[in-house]
Amino acid sequence: MAMKGKNCVAIAADRRFGIQAQMVTTDFQKIFPMGDRLYIGLAGLATDVQTV
């Protein structure tokens, strides 16, 4: 989820990693800085996120 304000931006994502009711970890990063003013949020399988 992302929201834009007049002079700000907020990006939120859960840190849960698992399949349905099975949880592997709750410390999986899904938002990554790509530059000073650019971030990317990735969803999907951990292997997909690691590949990108």
PDB file of N, CA and C in Angstrom:
ATOM      1  N   MET A   1       0.844  -1.146   0.000  1.00  0.00           N
ATOM      2  CA  MET A   1       0.000   0.000   0.000  1.00  0.00           C
ATOM      3  C   MET A   1       0.901   1.222   0.000  1.00  0.00           C
ATOM      4  N   ALA A   2       0.496   2.221  -0.758  1.00  0.00           N
ATOM      5  CA  ALA A   2       1.248   3.474  -0.792  1.00  0.00           C
ATOM      6  C   ALA A   2       0.270   4.644  -0.809  1.00  0.00           C
ATOM      7  N   MET A   3       0.671   5.727  -0.175  1.00  0.00           N
ATOM      8  CA  MET A   3      -0.144   6.942  -0.149  1.00  0.00           C
ATOM      9  C   MET A   3       0.760   8.130  -0.434  1.00  0.00           C
ATOM     10  N   LYS A   4       0.217   9.109  -1.144  1.00  0.00           N
ATOM     11  CA  LYS A   4       0.977  10.309  -1.483  1.00  0.00           C
ATOM     12  C   LYS A   4       0.333  11.509  -0.809  1.00  0.00           C
ATOM     13  N   GLY A   5       1.160  12.318  -0.158  1.00  0.00           N
ATOM     14  CA  GLY A   5       0.706  13.564   0.437  1.00  0.00           C
ATOM     15  C   GLY A   5       1.307  14.742  -0.309  1.00  0.00           C
ATOM     16  N   LYS A   6       1.081  15.923   0.204  1.00  0.00           N
ATOM     17  CA  LYS A   6       1.590  17.123  -0.461  1.00  0.00           C
ATOM     18  C   LYS A   6       3.117  17.117  -0.542  1.00  0.00           C
ATOM     19  N   ASN A   7       3.779  16.804   0.556  1.00  0.00           N
ATOM     20  CA  ASN A   7       5.244  16.789   0.593  1.00  0.00           C
ATOM     21  C   ASN A   7       5.792  15.479   1.138  1.00  0.00           C
ATOM     22  N   CYS A   8       5.025  14.395   0.975  1.00  0.00           N
ATOM     23  CA  CYS A   8       5.479  13.129   1.545  1.00  0.00           C
ATOM     24  C   CYS A   8       4.863  11.943   0.806  1.00  0.00           C
ATOM     25  N   VAL A   9       5.449  10.789   1.050  1.00  0.00           N
ATOM     26  CA  VAL A   9       4.948   9.524   0.524  1.00  0.00           C
ATOM     27  C   VAL A   9       5.089   8.494   1.630  1.00  0.00           C
ATOM     28  N   ALA A  10       4.103   7.624   1.774  1.00  0.00           N
ATOM     29  CA  ALA A  10       4.170   6.536   2.749  1.00  0.00           C
ATOM     30  C   ALA A  10       3.973   5.217   2.011  1.00  0.00           C
ATOM     31  N   ILE A  11       4.848   4.259   2.286  1.00  0.00           N
ATOM     32  CA  ILE A  11       4.759   2.935   1.679  1.00  0.00           C
ATOM     33  C   ILE A  11       4.697   1.919   2.811  1.00  0.00           C
ATOM     34  N   ALA A  12       3.752   0.993   2.730  1.00  0.00           N
ATOM     35  CA  ALA A  12       3.597  -0.019   3.776  1.00  0.00           C
ATOM     36  C   ALA A  12       3.466  -1.401   3.147  1.00  0.00           C
ATOM     37  N   ALA A  13       4.030  -2.393   3.808  1.00  0.00           N
ATOM     38  CA  ALA A  13       3.910  -3.783   3.374  1.00  0.00           C
ATOM     39  C   ALA A  13       4.061  -4.677   4.592  1.00  0.00           C
ATOM     40  N   ASP A  14       3.416  -5.823   4.554  1.00  0.00           N
ATOM     41  CA  ASP A  14       3.608  -6.772   5.647  1.00  0.00           C
ATOM     42  C   ASP A  14       4.968  -7.446   5.477  1.00  0.00           C
ATOM     43  N   ARG A  15       5.493  -8.006   6.546  1.00  0.00           N
ATOM     44  CA  ARG A  15       6.796  -8.672   6.497  1.00  0.00           C
ATOM     45  C   ARG A  15       6.635 -10.179   6.660  1.00  0.00           C
ATOM     46  N   ARG A  16       5.400 -10.659   6.496  1.00  0.00           N
ATOM     47  CA  ARG A  16       5.097 -12.078   6.643  1.00  0.00           C
ATOM     48  C   ARG A  16       5.577 -12.836   5.412  1.00  0.00           C
ATOM     49  N   PHE A  17       6.173 -13.994   5.630  1.00  0.00           N
ATOM     50  CA  PHE A  17       6.590 -14.877   4.547  1.00  0.00           C
ATOM     51  C   PHE A  17       6.110 -16.276   4.873  1.00  0.00           C
ATOM     52  N   GLY A  18       5.257 -16.809   4.044  1.00  0.00           N
ATOM     53  CA  GLY A  18       4.741 -18.143   4.258  1.00  0.00           C
ATOM     54  C   GLY A  18       3.718 -18.505   3.203  1.00  0.00           C
ATOM     55  N   ILE A  19       3.127 -19.675   3.373  1.00  0.00           N
ATOM     56  CA  ILE A  19       2.102 -20.173   2.459  1.00  0.00           C
ATOM     57  C   ILE A  19       0.845 -20.435   3.266  1.00  0.00           C
ATOM     58  N   GLN A  20      -0.225 -19.735   2.946  1.00  0.00           N
ATOM     59  CA  GLN A  20      -1.517 -19.825   3.622  1.00  0.00           C
ATOM     60  C   GLN A  20      -1.324 -19.705   5.129  1.00  0.00           C
ATOM     61  N   ALA A  21      -1.644 -20.745   5.906  1.00  0.00           N
ATOM     62  CA  ALA A  21      -1.549 -20.660   7.366  1.00  0.00           C
ATOM     63  C   ALA A  21      -0.130 -20.924   7.877  1.00  0.00           C
ATOM     64  N   GLN A  22       0.753 -21.458   7.043  1.00  0.00           N
ATOM     65  CA  GLN A  22       2.121 -21.747   7.462  1.00  0.00           C
ATOM     66  C   GLN A  22       2.975 -20.489   7.332  1.00  0.00           C
ATOM     67  N   MET A  23       3.587 -20.099   8.426  1.00  0.00           N
ATOM     68  CA  MET A  23       4.428 -18.907   8.422  1.00  0.00           C
ATOM     69  C   MET A  23       5.882 -19.316   8.644  1.00  0.00           C
ATOM     70  N   VAL A  24       6.760 -18.902   7.736  1.00  0.00           N
ATOM     71  CA  VAL A  24       8.179 -19.219   7.839  1.00  0.00           C
ATOM     72  C   VAL A  24       8.898 -18.158   8.667  1.00  0.00           C
ATOM     73  N   THR A  25       8.626 -16.895   8.368  1.00  0.00           N
ATOM     74  CA  THR A  25       9.254 -15.798   9.092  1.00  0.00           C
ATOM     75  C   THR A  25       8.367 -14.561   9.025  1.00  0.00           C
ATOM     76  N   THR A  26       8.609 -13.639   9.913  1.00  0.00           N
ATOM     77  CA  THR A  26       7.890 -12.359   9.882  1.00  0.00           C
ATOM     78  C   THR A  26       8.878 -11.207   9.691  1.00  0.00           C
ATOM     79  N   ASP A  27      10.039 -11.514   9.116  1.00  0.00           N
ATOM     80  CA  ASP A  27      11.080 -10.504   8.909  1.00  0.00           C
ATOM     81  C   ASP A  27      11.586 -10.531   7.464  1.00  0.00           C
ATOM     82  N   PHE A  28      10.658 -10.681   6.513  1.00  0.00           N
ATOM     83  CA  PHE A  28      11.015 -10.764   5.098  1.00  0.00           C
ATOM     84  C   PHE A  28      10.814  -9.404   4.448  1.00  0.00           C
ATOM     85  N   GLN A  29      11.884  -8.806   3.932  1.00  0.00           N
ATOM     86  CA  GLN A  29      11.826  -7.466   3.350  1.00  0.00           C
ATOM     87  C   GLN A  29      11.183  -7.515   1.972  1.00  0.00           C
ATOM     88  N   LYS A  30      10.220  -6.597   1.726  1.00  0.00           N
ATOM     89  CA  LYS A  30       9.530  -6.538   0.444  1.00  0.00           C
ATOM     90  C   LYS A  30       9.632  -5.170  -0.220  1.00  0.00           C
ATOM     91  N   ILE A  31      10.179  -4.177   0.470  1.00  0.00           N
ATOM     92  CA  ILE A  31      10.351  -2.838  -0.087  1.00  0.00           C
ATOM     93  C   ILE A  31      11.846  -2.534  -0.115  1.00  0.00           C
ATOM     94  N   PHE A  32      12.342  -2.148  -1.291  1.00  0.00           N
ATOM     95  CA  PHE A  32      13.772  -1.950  -1.478  1.00  0.00           C
ATOM     96  C   PHE A  32      14.048  -0.576  -2.079  1.00  0.00           C
ATOM     97  N   PRO A  33      15.084   0.124  -1.598  1.00  0.00           N
ATOM     98  CA  PRO A  33      15.460   1.405  -2.222  1.00  0.00           C
ATOM     99  C   PRO A  33      16.165   1.146  -3.551  1.00  0.00           C
ATOM    100  N   MET A  34      15.795   1.899  -4.576  1.00  0.00           N
ATOM    101  CA  MET A  34      16.418   1.784  -5.893  1.00  0.00           C
ATOM    102  C   MET A  34      17.243   3.026  -6.220  1.00  0.00           C
ATOM    103  N   GLY A  35      17.095   4.071  -5.413  1.00  0.00           N
ATOM    104  CA  GLY A  35      17.803   5.329  -5.605  1.00  0.00           C
ATOM    105  C   GLY A  35      17.454   6.257  -4.460  1.00  0.00           C
ATOM    106  N   ASP A  36      17.869   7.505  -4.552  1.00  0.00           N
ATOM    107  CA  ASP A  36      17.587   8.467  -3.489  1.00  0.00           C
ATOM    108  C   ASP A  36      16.092   8.710  -3.306  1.00  0.00           C
ATOM    109  N   ARG A  37      15.338   8.709  -4.402  1.00  0.00           N
ATOM    110  CA  ARG A  37      13.911   9.026  -4.333  1.00  0.00           C
ATOM    111  C   ARG A  37      13.049   7.956  -4.990  1.00  0.00           C
ATOM    112  N   LEU A  38      13.574   6.735  -5.114  1.00  0.00           N
ATOM    113  CA  LEU A  38      12.857   5.661  -5.796  1.00  0.00           C
ATOM    114  C   LEU A  38      12.915   4.382  -4.974  1.00  0.00           C
ATOM    115  N   TYR A  39      11.754   3.806  -4.706  1.00  0.00           N
ATOM    116  CA  TYR A  39      11.649   2.544  -3.980  1.00  0.00           C
ATOM    117  C   TYR A  39      10.796   1.591  -4.794  1.00  0.00           C
ATOM    118  N   ILE A  40      11.018   0.287  -4.608  1.00  0.00           N
ATOM    119  CA  ILE A  40      10.204  -0.717  -5.278  1.00  0.00           C
ATOM    120  C   ILE A  40       9.643  -1.663  -4.224  1.00  0.00           C
ATOM    121  N   GLY A  41       8.384  -2.004  -4.364  1.00  0.00           N
ATOM    122  CA  GLY A  41       7.736  -2.971  -3.491  1.00  0.00           C
ATOM    123  C   GLY A  41       7.417  -4.215  -4.293  1.00  0.00           C
ATOM    124  N   LEU A  42       7.833  -5.374  -3.809  1.00  0.00           N
ATOM    125  CA  LEU A  42       7.651  -6.621  -4.539  1.00  0.00           C
ATOM    126  C   LEU A  42       6.772  -7.577  -3.746  1.00  0.00           C
ATOM    127  N   ALA A  43       5.890  -8.230  -4.444  1.00  0.00           N
ATOM    128  CA  ALA A  43       5.035  -9.256  -3.841  1.00  0.00           C
ATOM    129  C   ALA A  43       5.323 -10.580  -4.531  1.00  0.00           C
ATOM    130  N   GLY A  44       4.902 -11.656  -3.928  1.00  0.00           N
ATOM    131  CA  GLY A  44       5.082 -12.957  -4.559  1.00  0.00           C
ATOM    132  C   GLY A  44       6.005 -13.849  -3.759  1.00  0.00           C
ATOM    133  N   LEU A  45       6.502 -14.865  -4.420  1.00  0.00           N
ATOM    134  CA  LEU A  45       7.366 -15.846  -3.774  1.00  0.00           C
ATOM    135  C   LEU A  45       8.727 -15.247  -3.440  1.00  0.00           C
ATOM    136  N   ALA A  46       9.342 -15.759  -2.398  1.00  0.00           N
ATOM    137  CA  ALA A  46      10.654 -15.260  -1.978  1.00  0.00           C
ATOM    138  C   ALA A  46      11.684 -15.439  -3.080  1.00  0.00           C
ATOM    139  N   THR A  47      11.622 -16.550  -3.807  1.00  0.00           N
ATOM    140  CA  THR A  47      12.587 -16.767  -4.885  1.00  0.00           C
ATOM    141  C   THR A  47      12.424 -15.729  -5.988  1.00  0.00           C
ATOM    142  N   ASP A  48      11.189 -15.302  -6.254  1.00  0.00           N
ATOM    143  CA  ASP A  48      10.960 -14.258  -7.254  1.00  0.00           C
ATOM    144  C   ASP A  48      11.556 -12.938  -6.791  1.00  0.00           C
ATOM    145  N   VAL A  49      11.356 -12.598  -5.532  1.00  0.00           N
ATOM    146  CA  VAL A  49      11.887 -11.351  -4.980  1.00  0.00           C
ATOM    147  C   VAL A  49      13.411 -11.381  -5.003  1.00  0.00           C
ATOM    148  N   GLN A  50      14.013 -12.502  -4.650  1.00  0.00           N
ATOM    149  CA  GLN A  50      15.464 -12.613  -4.635  1.00  0.00           C
ATOM    150  C   GLN A  50      16.048 -12.551  -6.045  1.00  0.00           C
ATOM    151  N   THR A  51      15.328 -13.067  -7.035  1.00  0.00           N
ATOM    152  CA  THR A  51      15.792 -13.036  -8.419  1.00  0.00           C
ATOM    153  C   THR A  51      15.808 -11.620  -8.962  1.00  0.00           C
ATOM    154  N   VAL A  52      14.754 -10.848  -8.640  1.00  0.00           N
ATOM    155  CA  VAL A  52      14.668  -9.467  -9.127  1.00  0.00           C
ATOM    156  C   VAL A  52      15.714  -8.643  -8.430  1.00  0.00           C
TER     157      VAL A  52
END
